[in-house]
Protein backbone atom coordinates (compact mmCIF):
# COMPACT_ATOMS: atom_id res chain seq x y z
CA MET A 1 -4.63 -23.03 -53.11
CA ASN A 2 -1.99 -23.23 -50.34
CA TYR A 3 -2.60 -22.50 -46.65
CA ARG A 4 -1.19 -18.94 -46.90
CA GLN A 5 -3.65 -18.04 -49.65
CA ILE A 6 -6.51 -19.56 -47.64
CA LEU A 7 -5.45 -17.68 -44.48
CA PHE A 8 -5.09 -14.42 -46.42
CA ALA A 9 -8.56 -14.93 -47.95
CA LEU A 10 -10.10 -15.66 -44.54
CA LEU A 11 -8.32 -12.83 -42.66
CA PRO A 12 -11.09 -10.23 -43.27
CA LEU A 13 -13.67 -12.69 -41.92
CA ILE A 14 -11.56 -13.46 -38.85
CA ILE A 15 -11.07 -9.75 -38.12
CA THR A 16 -14.79 -9.07 -38.57
CA ALA A 17 -15.74 -12.01 -36.34
CA CYS A 18 -13.46 -10.67 -33.62
CA ASN A 19 -14.77 -7.08 -34.07
CA GLY A 20 -11.21 -6.05 -34.85
CA ASN A 21 -10.24 -6.67 -31.21
CA PHE A 22 -6.57 -7.42 -31.55
CA GLY A 23 -4.37 -5.73 -28.99
CA ASP A 24 -5.20 -3.30 -26.25
CA VAL A 25 -7.66 -0.49 -25.67
CA THR A 26 -6.36 2.66 -23.98
CA PHE A 27 -8.45 5.42 -22.42
CA THR A 28 -8.03 8.35 -20.04
CA GLU A 29 -10.12 9.12 -16.95
CA GLU A 30 -10.08 11.98 -14.43
CA SER A 31 -10.78 11.68 -10.72
CA GLN A 32 -13.21 13.88 -8.91
CA GLU A 33 -11.59 17.06 -7.67
CA ALA A 34 -10.13 16.82 -4.16
CA LEU A 35 -9.28 19.45 -1.56
CA VAL A 36 -6.00 19.52 0.37
CA MET A 37 -6.59 21.67 3.46
CA GLY A 38 -4.06 24.46 3.88
CA ALA A 39 -2.09 25.48 6.96
CA SER A 40 -4.44 28.33 8.00
CA GLY A 41 -2.21 29.46 10.89
CA ASN A 42 -2.37 26.23 12.95
CA ILE A 43 1.15 25.46 14.25
CA LEU A 44 0.46 21.68 14.17
CA SER A 45 -0.32 21.86 10.47
CA MET A 46 3.26 23.00 9.80
CA LEU A 47 4.70 19.66 10.95
CA PRO A 48 5.71 17.10 8.32
CA THR A 49 2.86 14.76 7.45
CA GLN A 50 2.45 11.30 5.90
CA ASN A 51 -1.07 11.70 4.44
CA LEU A 52 -0.79 14.77 2.27
CA LEU A 53 -3.49 13.99 -0.24
CA PRO A 54 -7.10 12.89 0.25
CA PRO A 55 -8.35 9.68 -1.42
CA LEU A 56 -9.19 10.21 -5.09
CA ARG A 57 -12.16 8.24 -6.36
CA LEU A 58 -12.27 7.19 -9.99
CA GLN A 59 -15.49 6.39 -11.82
CA ILE A 60 -14.41 3.85 -14.43
CA ASP A 61 -17.12 2.05 -16.38
CA LEU A 62 -14.91 -0.49 -18.10
CA GLU A 63 -17.76 -2.19 -19.94
CA GLU A 64 -19.04 1.11 -21.34
CA GLU A 65 -15.55 2.22 -22.33
CA LEU A 66 -14.88 -1.04 -24.17
CA GLN A 67 -18.26 -0.88 -25.93
CA SER A 68 -17.57 2.69 -27.05
CA GLN A 69 -14.39 1.47 -28.71
CA ASP A 70 -16.15 -1.59 -30.16
CA ALA A 71 -13.89 -3.91 -28.15
CA GLY A 72 -14.56 -7.23 -26.51
CA PRO A 73 -14.18 -8.02 -22.81
CA ALA A 74 -10.95 -7.22 -20.98
CA LYS A 75 -8.77 -9.94 -19.55
CA ALA A 76 -6.66 -7.44 -17.59
CA VAL A 77 -6.51 -3.70 -16.88
CA TYR A 78 -3.32 -1.77 -16.22
CA LEU A 79 -2.33 1.75 -15.22
CA ASP A 80 -0.22 3.21 -18.04
CA ALA A 81 0.17 6.77 -16.71
CA LEU A 82 -0.81 8.85 -13.68
CA SER A 83 -0.52 12.57 -13.16
CA LEU A 84 -1.87 15.12 -10.71
CA GLU A 85 -2.96 18.62 -11.71
CA ILE A 86 -3.69 21.64 -9.56
CA THR A 87 -7.21 22.90 -10.30
CA PRO A 88 -8.30 26.56 -9.96
CA THR A 89 -11.22 26.01 -7.55
CA ALA A 90 -9.29 27.02 -4.39
CA GLN A 91 -7.39 29.84 -6.08
CA PRO A 92 -8.92 33.22 -5.40
CA GLU A 93 -7.63 36.06 -7.54
CA GLY A 94 -3.91 36.53 -7.01
CA ASP A 95 -3.38 33.05 -5.49
CA THR A 96 -1.13 30.52 -7.16
CA ASP A 97 -0.88 26.94 -5.94
CA ASN A 98 1.71 24.33 -6.82
CA PHE A 99 3.09 21.00 -5.59
CA ASP A 100 5.98 22.49 -3.58
CA PHE A 101 4.41 21.04 -0.42
CA ILE A 102 5.12 17.47 -1.62
CA ASP A 103 8.46 15.71 -1.14
CA THR A 104 7.49 12.13 -2.04
CA VAL A 105 4.22 10.31 -2.73
CA ASP A 106 3.34 6.64 -3.14
CA VAL A 107 -0.04 5.87 -4.72
CA TYR A 108 -2.07 2.80 -3.83
CA VAL A 109 -5.17 1.30 -5.38
CA GLU A 110 -7.90 -0.15 -3.21
CA SER A 111 -11.47 -1.28 -3.57
CA THR A 112 -14.38 0.91 -2.50
CA SER A 113 -16.37 -2.22 -1.58
CA GLU A 114 -16.70 -2.71 2.17
CA ASN A 115 -16.55 -6.51 1.87
CA SER A 116 -13.62 -6.67 -0.53
CA SER A 117 -10.88 -9.25 -0.15
CA LEU A 118 -8.57 -7.22 -2.42
CA GLN A 119 -5.39 -5.98 -0.80
CA LYS A 120 -4.30 -2.36 -1.03
CA THR A 121 -1.58 -2.33 -3.71
CA LYS A 122 1.09 0.22 -4.63
CA VAL A 123 0.72 1.37 -8.26
CA ALA A 124 2.84 4.52 -8.62
CA THR A 125 5.47 6.65 -6.94
CA LEU A 126 6.74 10.24 -7.15
CA ALA A 127 9.93 11.73 -5.74
CA ASP A 128 11.87 14.94 -6.20
CA VAL A 129 9.06 17.24 -7.35
CA PRO A 130 10.59 20.22 -9.19
CA THR A 131 9.82 23.62 -7.65
CA GLY A 132 6.74 25.48 -8.89
CA GLN A 133 5.05 22.56 -10.69
CA THR A 134 1.27 22.66 -11.15
CA SER A 135 1.20 19.17 -12.65
CA VAL A 136 3.33 16.13 -11.86
CA ASP A 137 3.78 12.76 -13.53
CA PHE A 138 4.24 9.62 -11.47
CA ASN A 139 6.42 6.58 -12.13
CA VAL A 140 3.94 3.73 -12.66
CA ILE A 141 4.64 0.29 -11.22
CA GLU A 142 4.08 -2.11 -14.09
CA GLY A 143 2.20 -5.39 -13.96
CA VAL A 144 -0.49 -4.53 -11.39
CA ASP A 145 -3.84 -5.80 -12.74
CA LEU A 146 -6.52 -3.25 -11.80
CA LYS A 147 -9.45 -5.21 -13.26
CA PRO A 148 -10.67 -6.61 -9.89
CA PHE A 149 -10.52 -3.10 -8.37
CA VAL A 150 -12.36 -1.55 -11.32
CA GLU A 151 -15.08 -4.20 -11.03
CA GLU A 152 -15.63 -3.44 -7.32
CA GLY A 153 -15.05 0.32 -7.46
CA ILE A 154 -11.61 1.87 -7.45
CA ARG A 155 -10.04 4.44 -5.14
CA LEU A 156 -6.52 5.86 -5.14
CA THR A 157 -4.93 6.58 -1.76
CA THR A 158 -1.52 7.98 -0.96
CA SER A 159 1.22 8.11 1.59
CA GLY A 160 4.23 10.33 1.38
CA SER A 161 6.22 13.10 2.92
CA GLY A 162 6.02 16.83 2.80
CA GLU A 163 4.19 19.65 4.56
CA VAL A 164 0.66 20.94 4.50
CA PRO A 165 0.33 23.55 1.73
CA PRO A 166 0.21 27.20 2.86
CA ASP A 167 -3.43 27.53 1.78
CA ASP A 168 -6.22 25.29 0.50
CA THR A 169 -5.29 23.56 -2.74
CA THR A 170 -7.55 21.61 -5.09
CA LEU A 171 -6.35 18.93 -7.48
CA LYS A 172 -7.40 16.02 -9.63
CA ALA A 173 -5.76 12.85 -10.91
CA ILE A 174 -5.59 11.96 -14.58
CA VAL A 175 -5.04 8.29 -15.32
CA THR A 176 -4.41 6.46 -18.55
CA ILE A 177 -5.77 2.93 -18.42
CA ARG A 178 -4.86 0.09 -20.78
CA ALA A 179 -7.23 -2.86 -21.11
CA GLU A 180 -5.94 -6.08 -22.61
CA ILE A 181 -8.68 -7.56 -24.72
CA LEU A 182 -9.55 -11.26 -24.66
């Protein structure tokens, strides 16, 4: 028996021993809904602003997610996709909200732990939002390992340019996370 035949014969055992954990595990999470306060007639609220969106907290239980997919521990965690969606909560009958109030947005990840040594890190950017959009997809910055942030508690914050929306607007973030398995 040559080494190829031996390897081929042992391959099912190797895969079983590793729980089939070759490659990555991908999953999608949604943030809690957030409220962007509208202009409501205040002249100061019509000025351009840098902090258009409130922080969006994500509840990611990485261990539980990996267990549910029968995967081993993660060596790294990356953001694969990020989008924002308008939600209907602040839309009374006849109201339509969209992202026309946004010009540009940069998204940062930070820890929710008060004693964290992790630095706020840019993970995505958005520019040139088409008129009338109720969902937008960001350009993700590749190579940022989110695992330390997930372990401490993760929050997305933004900076950008635009104006306060004409009325209250609610939204949520949808993220696709990729965990590299050990």
